[in-house]
């Protein structure tokens, strides 16, 4: 099977980017291929969480509420051992 025009054009573009990468380093090819990308900041995960808490409308879920859900979910399995096993796996994966 012969490669199509798109394949050849992609191969040429990749070769050009690779050559520029070797000669100029990473900064120039990345800035040309992604001009809209955001520059790196010194923000920490803590800063992100503070901003998320301020902007998001999240209600905290307490441990008691989660335990109640777990009990209710396990009760829906009844006495069937297969359903109970599946329910326990599900509860453990969301804990």
Foldseek 3Di string as FASTA:
>chain_A
DDDDPVVVVVVVVVVVLVVCCVVPNDPVSVCVVCVPDDDDDPDDVVNVVVVCVVPDDDDDDDPVNLVVVLVVQLVVQPPPPVSNVVSVVVSVVVD
